[in-house]
Amino acid sequence: MLTFQVDDMTCGHCVRAIKDAVRALDADAVVDVDLPRHLVRVHASRLDAPRVHQALEQAGYSPVHVAASETVPAAVGGCCACASVRCACAD
């Protein structure tokens, strides 16, 4: 599994664009997105971190590969990862 922190992923459109970018490399890839934590997890035996990183960059995002031993802090904010605890998405 490859994990990326993508802080500029902020909405459903971003999620779709990221999934499409990864699946363009490997149609069988499983892409799990945790939008509030800005995490993208890619399960694909045929992909490596540099290829996924490049695809995410070409899609317009700034991914940071997270090593398996690193932990990612819990999200702060609303469901869309905005700074507000009660964002418009919660309504």
PDB file of N, CA and C in Angstrom:
ATOM      1  N   MET A   1       0.842  -1.174   0.000  1.00  0.00           N
ATOM      2  CA  MET A   1       0.000   0.000   0.000  1.00  0.00           C
ATOM      3  C   MET A   1       0.890   1.240   0.000  1.00  0.00           C
ATOM      4  N   LEU A   2       0.515   2.199  -0.814  1.00  0.00           N
ATOM      5  CA  LEU A   2       1.204   3.487  -0.874  1.00  0.00           C
ATOM      6  C   LEU A   2       0.293   4.529  -0.242  1.00  0.00           C
ATOM      7  N   THR A   3       0.854   5.389   0.591  1.00  0.00           N
ATOM      8  CA  THR A   3       0.063   6.424   1.250  1.00  0.00           C
ATOM      9  C   THR A   3       0.660   7.784   0.938  1.00  0.00           C
ATOM     10  N   PHE A   4      -0.237   8.721   0.607  1.00  0.00           N
ATOM     11  CA  PHE A   4       0.182  10.083   0.293  1.00  0.00           C
ATOM     12  C   PHE A   4      -0.646  11.066   1.103  1.00  0.00           C
ATOM     13  N   GLN A   5       0.012  12.091   1.609  1.00  0.00           N
ATOM     14  CA  GLN A   5      -0.654  13.233   2.232  1.00  0.00           C
ATOM     15  C   GLN A   5      -0.856  14.240   1.106  1.00  0.00           C
ATOM     16  N   VAL A   6      -2.110  14.620   0.873  1.00  0.00           N
ATOM     17  CA  VAL A   6      -2.420  15.557  -0.221  1.00  0.00           C
ATOM     18  C   VAL A   6      -3.232  16.703   0.385  1.00  0.00           C
ATOM     19  N   ASP A   7      -2.521  17.683   0.945  1.00  0.00           N
ATOM     20  CA  ASP A   7      -3.184  18.761   1.673  1.00  0.00           C
ATOM     21  C   ASP A   7      -4.048  19.651   0.796  1.00  0.00           C
ATOM     22  N   ASP A   8      -3.771  19.699  -0.506  1.00  0.00           N
ATOM     23  CA  ASP A   8      -4.587  20.552  -1.375  1.00  0.00           C
ATOM     24  C   ASP A   8      -5.769  19.794  -1.982  1.00  0.00           C
ATOM     25  N   MET A   9      -6.072  18.626  -1.476  1.00  0.00           N
ATOM     26  CA  MET A   9      -7.281  17.873  -1.837  1.00  0.00           C
ATOM     27  C   MET A   9      -8.359  18.301  -0.844  1.00  0.00           C
ATOM     28  N   THR A  10      -9.388  18.994  -1.337  1.00  0.00           N
ATOM     29  CA  THR A  10     -10.332  19.614  -0.409  1.00  0.00           C
ATOM     30  C   THR A  10     -11.806  19.285  -0.638  1.00  0.00           C
ATOM     31  N   CYS A  11     -12.130  18.585  -1.714  1.00  0.00           N
ATOM     32  CA  CYS A  11     -13.558  18.382  -1.995  1.00  0.00           C
ATOM     33  C   CYS A  11     -13.777  17.104  -2.800  1.00  0.00           C
ATOM     34  N   GLY A  12     -15.019  16.812  -3.068  1.00  0.00           N
ATOM     35  CA  GLY A  12     -15.372  15.632  -3.836  1.00  0.00           C
ATOM     36  C   GLY A  12     -14.796  15.637  -5.240  1.00  0.00           C
ATOM     37  N   HIS A  13     -14.720  16.804  -5.853  1.00  0.00           N
ATOM     38  CA  HIS A  13     -14.116  16.903  -7.186  1.00  0.00           C
ATOM     39  C   HIS A  13     -12.653  16.470  -7.132  1.00  0.00           C
ATOM     40  N   CYS A  14     -11.945  16.901  -6.089  1.00  0.00           N
ATOM     41  CA  CYS A  14     -10.543  16.517  -5.913  1.00  0.00           C
ATOM     42  C   CYS A  14     -10.420  14.999  -5.774  1.00  0.00           C
ATOM     43  N   VAL A  15     -11.309  14.414  -4.988  1.00  0.00           N
ATOM     44  CA  VAL A  15     -11.285  12.960  -4.785  1.00  0.00           C
ATOM     45  C   VAL A  15     -11.433  12.247  -6.119  1.00  0.00           C
ATOM     46  N   ARG A  16     -12.384  12.668  -6.922  1.00  0.00           N
ATOM     47  CA  ARG A  16     -12.617  12.037  -8.230  1.00  0.00           C
ATOM     48  C   ARG A  16     -11.393  12.211  -9.136  1.00  0.00           C
ATOM     49  N   ALA A  17     -10.816  13.407  -9.149  1.00  0.00           N
ATOM     50  CA  ALA A  17      -9.647  13.667 -10.002  1.00  0.00           C
ATOM     51  C   ALA A  17      -8.465  12.797  -9.591  1.00  0.00           C
ATOM     52  N   ILE A  18      -8.275  12.618  -8.298  1.00  0.00           N
ATOM     53  CA  ILE A  18      -7.174  11.807  -7.795  1.00  0.00           C
ATOM     54  C   ILE A  18      -7.398  10.338  -8.131  1.00  0.00           C
ATOM     55  N   LYS A  19      -8.611   9.857  -7.919  1.00  0.00           N
ATOM     56  CA  LYS A  19      -8.913   8.458  -8.255  1.00  0.00           C
ATOM     57  C   LYS A  19      -8.728   8.213  -9.749  1.00  0.00           C
ATOM     58  N   ASP A  20      -9.193   9.145 -10.561  1.00  0.00           N
ATOM     59  CA  ASP A  20      -9.041   8.991 -12.014  1.00  0.00           C
ATOM     60  C   ASP A  20      -7.569   8.978 -12.426  1.00  0.00           C
ATOM     61  N   ALA A  21      -6.754   9.826 -11.793  1.00  0.00           N
ATOM     62  CA  ALA A  21      -5.325   9.894 -12.130  1.00  0.00           C
ATOM     63  C   ALA A  21      -4.625   8.576 -11.812  1.00  0.00           C
ATOM     64  N   VAL A  22      -4.951   7.992 -10.672  1.00  0.00           N
ATOM     65  CA  VAL A  22      -4.317   6.728 -10.289  1.00  0.00           C
ATOM     66  C   VAL A  22      -4.826   5.593 -11.173  1.00  0.00           C
ATOM     67  N   ARG A  23      -6.109   5.569 -11.422  1.00  0.00           N
ATOM     68  CA  ARG A  23      -6.677   4.486 -12.233  1.00  0.00           C
ATOM     69  C   ARG A  23      -6.274   4.582 -13.705  1.00  0.00           C
ATOM     70  N   ALA A  24      -5.816   5.746 -14.126  1.00  0.00           N
ATOM     71  CA  ALA A  24      -5.278   5.859 -15.488  1.00  0.00           C
ATOM     72  C   ALA A  24      -3.958   5.084 -15.600  1.00  0.00           C
ATOM     73  N   LEU A  25      -3.252   4.935 -14.490  1.00  0.00           N
ATOM     74  CA  LEU A  25      -2.015   4.156 -14.456  1.00  0.00           C
ATOM     75  C   LEU A  25      -2.300   2.666 -14.324  1.00  0.00           C
ATOM     76  N   ASP A  26      -3.312   2.354 -13.516  1.00  0.00           N
ATOM     77  CA  ASP A  26      -3.658   0.954 -13.248  1.00  0.00           C
ATOM     78  C   ASP A  26      -5.159   0.891 -12.975  1.00  0.00           C
ATOM     79  N   ALA A  27      -5.900   0.390 -13.948  1.00  0.00           N
ATOM     80  CA  ALA A  27      -7.356   0.350 -13.831  1.00  0.00           C
ATOM     81  C   ALA A  27      -7.824  -0.518 -12.675  1.00  0.00           C
ATOM     82  N   ASP A  28      -6.987  -1.439 -12.215  1.00  0.00           N
ATOM     83  CA  ASP A  28      -7.361  -2.322 -11.111  1.00  0.00           C
ATOM     84  C   ASP A  28      -6.964  -1.782  -9.740  1.00  0.00           C
ATOM     85  N   ALA A  29      -6.349  -0.622  -9.702  1.00  0.00           N
ATOM     86  CA  ALA A  29      -5.908  -0.048  -8.427  1.00  0.00           C
ATOM     87  C   ALA A  29      -7.113   0.266  -7.548  1.00  0.00           C
ATOM     88  N   VAL A  30      -6.944   0.016  -6.262  1.00  0.00           N
ATOM     89  CA  VAL A  30      -7.953   0.404  -5.280  1.00  0.00           C
ATOM     90  C   VAL A  30      -7.430   1.677  -4.627  1.00  0.00           C
ATOM     91  N   VAL A  31      -8.232   2.735  -4.698  1.00  0.00           N
ATOM     92  CA  VAL A  31      -7.819   4.033  -4.173  1.00  0.00           C
ATOM     93  C   VAL A  31      -8.762   4.401  -3.038  1.00  0.00           C
ATOM     94  N   ASP A  32      -8.229   4.448  -1.825  1.00  0.00           N
ATOM     95  CA  ASP A  32      -9.000   4.846  -0.647  1.00  0.00           C
ATOM     96  C   ASP A  32      -8.629   6.282  -0.309  1.00  0.00           C
ATOM     97  N   VAL A  33      -9.642   7.117  -0.142  1.00  0.00           N
ATOM     98  CA  VAL A  33      -9.396   8.526   0.152  1.00  0.00           C
ATOM     99  C   VAL A  33     -10.029   8.878   1.492  1.00  0.00           C
ATOM    100  N   ASP A  34      -9.240   9.479   2.357  1.00  0.00           N
ATOM    101  CA  ASP A  34      -9.718  10.008   3.634  1.00  0.00           C
ATOM    102  C   ASP A  34      -9.629  11.524   3.502  1.00  0.00           C
ATOM    103  N   LEU A  35     -10.722  12.111   3.038  1.00  0.00           N
ATOM    104  CA  LEU A  35     -10.727  13.552   2.742  1.00  0.00           C
ATOM    105  C   LEU A  35     -10.444  14.415   3.971  1.00  0.00           C
ATOM    106  N   PRO A  36     -11.066  14.161   5.122  1.00  0.00           N
ATOM    107  CA  PRO A  36     -10.777  15.017   6.285  1.00  0.00           C
ATOM    108  C   PRO A  36      -9.308  14.998   6.701  1.00  0.00           C
ATOM    109  N   ARG A  37      -8.642  13.870   6.506  1.00  0.00           N
ATOM    110  CA  ARG A  37      -7.226  13.770   6.877  1.00  0.00           C
ATOM    111  C   ARG A  37      -6.307  14.026   5.692  1.00  0.00           C
ATOM    112  N   HIS A  38      -6.877  14.260   4.514  1.00  0.00           N
ATOM    113  CA  HIS A  38      -6.106  14.525   3.290  1.00  0.00           C
ATOM    114  C   HIS A  38      -5.184  13.360   2.933  1.00  0.00           C
ATOM    115  N   LEU A  39      -5.663  12.134   3.126  1.00  0.00           N
ATOM    116  CA  LEU A  39      -4.857  10.958   2.840  1.00  0.00           C
ATOM    117  C   LEU A  39      -5.384  10.204   1.632  1.00  0.00           C
ATOM    118  N   VAL A  40      -4.462   9.726   0.831  1.00  0.00           N
ATOM    119  CA  VAL A  40      -4.784   8.877  -0.314  1.00  0.00           C
ATOM    120  C   VAL A  40      -3.983   7.597  -0.131  1.00  0.00           C
ATOM    121  N   ARG A  41      -4.698   6.475  -0.118  1.00  0.00           N
ATOM    122  CA  ARG A  41      -4.038   5.170  -0.006  1.00  0.00           C
ATOM    123  C   ARG A  41      -4.289   4.402  -1.296  1.00  0.00           C
ATOM    124  N   VAL A  42      -3.227   3.918  -1.880  1.00  0.00           N
ATOM    125  CA  VAL A  42      -3.309   3.218  -3.160  1.00  0.00           C
ATOM    126  C   VAL A  42      -2.863   1.777  -2.950  1.00  0.00           C
ATOM    127  N   HIS A  43      -3.743   0.861  -3.314  1.00  0.00           N
ATOM    128  CA  HIS A  43      -3.450  -0.566  -3.253  1.00  0.00           C
ATOM    129  C   HIS A  43      -3.325  -1.047  -4.697  1.00  0.00           C
ATOM    130  N   ALA A  44      -2.092  -1.273  -5.134  1.00  0.00           N
ATOM    131  CA  ALA A  44      -1.861  -1.722  -6.511  1.00  0.00           C
ATOM    132  C   ALA A  44      -0.483  -2.358  -6.583  1.00  0.00           C
ATOM    133  N   SER A  45      -0.449  -3.576  -7.035  1.00  0.00           N
ATOM    134  CA  SER A  45       0.827  -4.290  -7.097  1.00  0.00           C
ATOM    135  C   SER A  45       1.723  -3.797  -8.224  1.00  0.00           C
ATOM    136  N   ARG A  46       1.127  -3.144  -9.227  1.00  0.00           N
ATOM    137  CA  ARG A  46       1.923  -2.721 -10.390  1.00  0.00           C
ATOM    138  C   ARG A  46       2.401  -1.267 -10.317  1.00  0.00           C
ATOM    139  N   LEU A  47       2.142  -0.593  -9.219  1.00  0.00           N
ATOM    140  CA  LEU A  47       2.516   0.823  -9.121  1.00  0.00           C
ATOM    141  C   LEU A  47       3.532   1.035  -8.014  1.00  0.00           C
ATOM    142  N   ASP A  48       4.388   2.038  -8.211  1.00  0.00           N
ATOM    143  CA  ASP A  48       5.319   2.423  -7.167  1.00  0.00           C
ATOM    144  C   ASP A  48       5.082   3.891  -6.815  1.00  0.00           C
ATOM    145  N   ALA A  49       5.666   4.314  -5.717  1.00  0.00           N
ATOM    146  CA  ALA A  49       5.439   5.662  -5.200  1.00  0.00           C
ATOM    147  C   ALA A  49       5.791   6.765  -6.206  1.00  0.00           C
ATOM    148  N   PRO A  50       6.929   6.688  -6.897  1.00  0.00           N
ATOM    149  CA  PRO A  50       7.250   7.764  -7.842  1.00  0.00           C
ATOM    150  C   PRO A  50       6.216   7.907  -8.974  1.00  0.00           C
ATOM    151  N   ARG A  51       5.712   6.800  -9.480  1.00  0.00           N
ATOM    152  CA  ARG A  51       4.711   6.880 -10.565  1.00  0.00           C
ATOM    153  C   ARG A  51       3.408   7.497 -10.076  1.00  0.00           C
ATOM    154  N   VAL A  52       2.958   7.094  -8.892  1.00  0.00           N
ATOM    155  CA  VAL A  52       1.718   7.655  -8.349  1.00  0.00           C
ATOM    156  C   VAL A  52       1.922   9.129  -8.018  1.00  0.00           C
ATOM    157  N   HIS A  53       3.054   9.449  -7.419  1.00  0.00           N
ATOM    158  CA  HIS A  53       3.377  10.848  -7.090  1.00  0.00           C
ATOM    159  C   HIS A  53       3.300  11.720  -8.337  1.00  0.00           C
ATOM    160  N   GLN A  54       3.926  11.261  -9.408  1.00  0.00           N
ATOM    161  CA  GLN A  54       3.927  12.023 -10.652  1.00  0.00           C
ATOM    162  C   GLN A  54       2.513  12.181 -11.208  1.00  0.00           C
ATOM    163  N   ALA A  55       1.712  11.141 -11.159  1.00  0.00           N
ATOM    164  CA  ALA A  55       0.330  11.220 -11.659  1.00  0.00           C
ATOM    165  C   ALA A  55      -0.485  12.215 -10.856  1.00  0.00           C
ATOM    166  N   LEU A  56      -0.299  12.232  -9.537  1.00  0.00           N
ATOM    167  CA  LEU A  56      -1.036  13.180  -8.696  1.00  0.00           C
ATOM    168  C   LEU A  56      -0.585  14.617  -8.965  1.00  0.00           C
ATOM    169  N   GLU A  57       0.710  14.797  -9.169  1.00  0.00           N
ATOM    170  CA  GLU A  57       1.208  16.127  -9.517  1.00  0.00           C
ATOM    171  C   GLU A  57       0.638  16.590 -10.855  1.00  0.00           C
ATOM    172  N   GLN A  58       0.614  15.689 -11.841  1.00  0.00           N
ATOM    173  CA  GLN A  58       0.085  16.050 -13.156  1.00  0.00           C
ATOM    174  C   GLN A  58      -1.410  16.362 -13.092  1.00  0.00           C
ATOM    175  N   ALA A  59      -2.098  15.802 -12.094  1.00  0.00           N
ATOM    176  CA  ALA A  59      -3.519  16.105 -11.899  1.00  0.00           C
ATOM    177  C   ALA A  59      -3.710  17.439 -11.186  1.00  0.00           C
ATOM    178  N   GLY A  60      -2.606  18.054 -10.741  1.00  0.00           N
ATOM    179  CA  GLY A  60      -2.684  19.387 -10.138  1.00  0.00           C
ATOM    180  C   GLY A  60      -2.558  19.426  -8.630  1.00  0.00           C
ATOM    181  N   TYR A  61      -2.085  18.348  -8.033  1.00  0.00           N
ATOM    182  CA  TYR A  61      -1.995  18.278  -6.574  1.00  0.00           C
ATOM    183  C   TYR A  61      -0.553  18.208  -6.116  1.00  0.00           C
ATOM    184  N   SER A  62      -0.354  18.370  -4.806  1.00  0.00           N
ATOM    185  CA  SER A  62       0.984  18.374  -4.214  1.00  0.00           C
ATOM    186  C   SER A  62       1.101  17.224  -3.214  1.00  0.00           C
ATOM    187  N   PRO A  63       1.277  16.010  -3.706  1.00  0.00           N
ATOM    188  CA  PRO A  63       1.334  14.859  -2.798  1.00  0.00           C
ATOM    189  C   PRO A  63       2.670  14.753  -2.074  1.00  0.00           C
ATOM    190  N   VAL A  64       2.615  14.205  -0.870  1.00  0.00           N
ATOM    191  CA  VAL A  64       3.812  13.890  -0.108  1.00  0.00           C
ATOM    192  C   VAL A  64       3.689  12.424   0.283  1.00  0.00           C
ATOM    193  N   HIS A  65       4.646  11.623  -0.142  1.00  0.00           N
ATOM    194  CA  HIS A  65       4.613  10.200   0.189  1.00  0.00           C
ATOM    195  C   HIS A  65       4.834  10.044   1.684  1.00  0.00           C
ATOM    196  N   VAL A  66       3.974   9.262   2.325  1.00  0.00           N
ATOM    197  CA  VAL A  66       4.063   9.011   3.759  1.00  0.00           C
ATOM    198  C   VAL A  66       4.587   7.595   3.938  1.00  0.00           C
ATOM    199  N   ALA A  67       5.740   7.466   4.580  1.00  0.00           N
ATOM    200  CA  ALA A  67       6.316   6.140   4.822  1.00  0.00           C
ATOM    201  C   ALA A  67       5.423   5.365   5.773  1.00  0.00           C
ATOM    202  N   ALA A  68       5.454   4.057   5.664  1.00  0.00           N
ATOM    203  CA  ALA A  68       4.593   3.195   6.476  1.00  0.00           C
ATOM    204  C   ALA A  68       4.803   3.418   7.970  1.00  0.00           C
ATOM    205  N   SER A  69       5.994   3.805   8.381  1.00  0.00           N
ATOM    206  CA  SER A  69       6.274   3.987   9.803  1.00  0.00           C
ATOM    207  C   SER A  69       5.833   5.348  10.335  1.00  0.00           C
ATOM    208  N   GLU A  70       5.509   6.273   9.437  1.00  0.00           N
ATOM    209  CA  GLU A  70       5.082   7.598   9.866  1.00  0.00           C
ATOM    210  C   GLU A  70       3.603   7.575  10.220  1.00  0.00           C
ATOM    211  N   THR A  71       3.234   8.393  11.175  1.00  0.00           N
ATOM    212  CA  THR A  71       1.819   8.523  11.509  1.00  0.00           C
ATOM    213  C   THR A  71       1.333   9.868  11.018  1.00  0.00           C
ATOM    214  N   VAL A  72       0.070   9.926  10.683  1.00  0.00           N
ATOM    215  CA  VAL A  72      -0.533  11.161  10.200  1.00  0.00           C
ATOM    216  C   VAL A  72      -1.497  11.625  11.262  1.00  0.00           C
ATOM    217  N   PRO A  73      -1.378  12.889  11.718  1.00  0.00           N
ATOM    218  CA  PRO A  73      -2.257  13.365  12.782  1.00  0.00           C
ATOM    219  C   PRO A  73      -3.720  13.365  12.365  1.00  0.00           C
ATOM    220  N   ALA A  74      -4.582  13.274  13.347  1.00  0.00           N
ATOM    221  CA  ALA A  74      -6.019  13.311  13.105  1.00  0.00           C
ATOM    222  C   ALA A  74      -6.422  14.649  12.515  1.00  0.00           C
ATOM    223  N   ALA A  75      -7.469  14.632  11.755  1.00  0.00           N
ATOM    224  CA  ALA A  75      -7.949  15.842  11.090  1.00  0.00           C
ATOM    225  C   ALA A  75      -8.568  16.803  12.086  1.00  0.00           C
ATOM    226  N   VAL A  76      -8.465  18.063  11.756  1.00  0.00           N
ATOM    227  CA  VAL A  76      -9.127  19.106  12.515  1.00  0.00           C
ATOM    228  C   VAL A  76     -10.062  19.804  11.550  1.00  0.00           C
ATOM    229  N   GLY A  77     -11.302  19.962  11.939  1.00  0.00           N
ATOM    230  CA  GLY A  77     -12.235  20.673  11.076  1.00  0.00           C
ATOM    231  C   GLY A  77     -13.413  19.823  10.673  1.00  0.00           C
ATOM    232  N   GLY A  78     -14.111  20.284   9.668  1.00  0.00           N
ATOM    233  CA  GLY A  78     -15.337  19.640   9.217  1.00  0.00           C
ATOM    234  C   GLY A  78     -15.079  18.472   8.290  1.00  0.00           C
ATOM    235  N   CYS A  79     -16.150  17.954   7.743  1.00  0.00           N
ATOM    236  CA  CYS A  79     -16.062  16.760   6.909  1.00  0.00           C
ATOM    237  C   CYS A  79     -15.274  16.993   5.629  1.00  0.00           C
ATOM    238  N   CYS A  80     -15.183  18.217   5.180  1.00  0.00           N
ATOM    239  CA  CYS A  80     -14.445  18.501   3.948  1.00  0.00           C
ATOM    240  C   CYS A  80     -13.041  19.007   4.248  1.00  0.00           C
ATOM    241  N   ALA A  81     -12.637  18.879   5.511  1.00  0.00           N
ATOM    242  CA  ALA A  81     -11.295  19.256   5.952  1.00  0.00           C
ATOM    243  C   ALA A  81     -11.061  20.758   5.956  1.00  0.00           C
ATOM    244  N   CYS A  82     -12.125  21.509   5.958  1.00  0.00           N
ATOM    245  CA  CYS A  82     -11.949  22.956   6.061  1.00  0.00           C
ATOM    246  C   CYS A  82     -11.628  23.309   7.509  1.00  0.00           C
ATOM    247  N   ALA A  83     -11.283  24.530   7.761  1.00  0.00           N
ATOM    248  CA  ALA A  83     -10.861  24.944   9.095  1.00  0.00           C
ATOM    249  C   ALA A  83     -12.018  25.022  10.084  1.00  0.00           C
ATOM    250  N   SER A  84     -13.217  25.077   9.601  1.00  0.00           N
ATOM    251  CA  SER A  84     -14.369  25.220  10.472  1.00  0.00           C
ATOM    252  C   SER A  84     -14.858  23.860  10.972  1.00  0.00           C
ATOM    253  N   VAL A  85     -15.154  23.777  12.250  1.00  0.00           N
ATOM    254  CA  VAL A  85     -15.694  22.543  12.804  1.00  0.00           C
ATOM    255  C   VAL A  85     -17.085  22.306  12.251  1.00  0.00           C
ATOM    256  N   ARG A  86     -17.834  23.362  11.996  1.00  0.00           N
ATOM    257  CA  ARG A  86     -19.171  23.237  11.389  1.00  0.00           C
ATOM    258  C   ARG A  86     -19.123  23.912  10.035  1.00  0.00           C
ATOM    259  N   CYS A  87     -18.784  23.173   9.042  1.00  0.00           N
ATOM    260  CA  CYS A  87     -18.712  23.738   7.700  1.00  0.00           C
ATOM    261  C   CYS A  87     -20.045  23.580   6.976  1.00  0.00           C
ATOM    262  N   ALA A  88     -20.130  24.117   5.817  1.00  0.00           N
ATOM    263  CA  ALA A  88     -21.346  24.038   5.024  1.00  0.00           C
ATOM    264  C   ALA A  88     -21.689  22.604   4.636  1.00  0.00           C
ATOM    265  N   CYS A  89     -20.696  21.738   4.552  1.00  0.00           N
ATOM    266  CA  CYS A  89     -20.940  20.345   4.205  1.00  0.00           C
ATOM    267  C   CYS A  89     -21.715  19.617   5.284  1.00  0.00           C
ATOM    268  N   ALA A  90     -21.616  20.077   6.513  1.00  0.00           N
ATOM    269  CA  ALA A  90     -22.287  19.403   7.625  1.00  0.00           C
ATOM    270  C   ALA A  90     -23.775  19.690   7.667  1.00  0.00           C
ATOM    271  N   ASP A  91     -24.209  20.682   6.930  1.00  0.00           N
ATOM    272  CA  ASP A  91     -25.632  21.043   6.945  1.00  0.00           C
ATOM    273  C   ASP A  91     -26.465  20.183   6.040  1.00  0.00           C
TER     274      ASP A  91
END
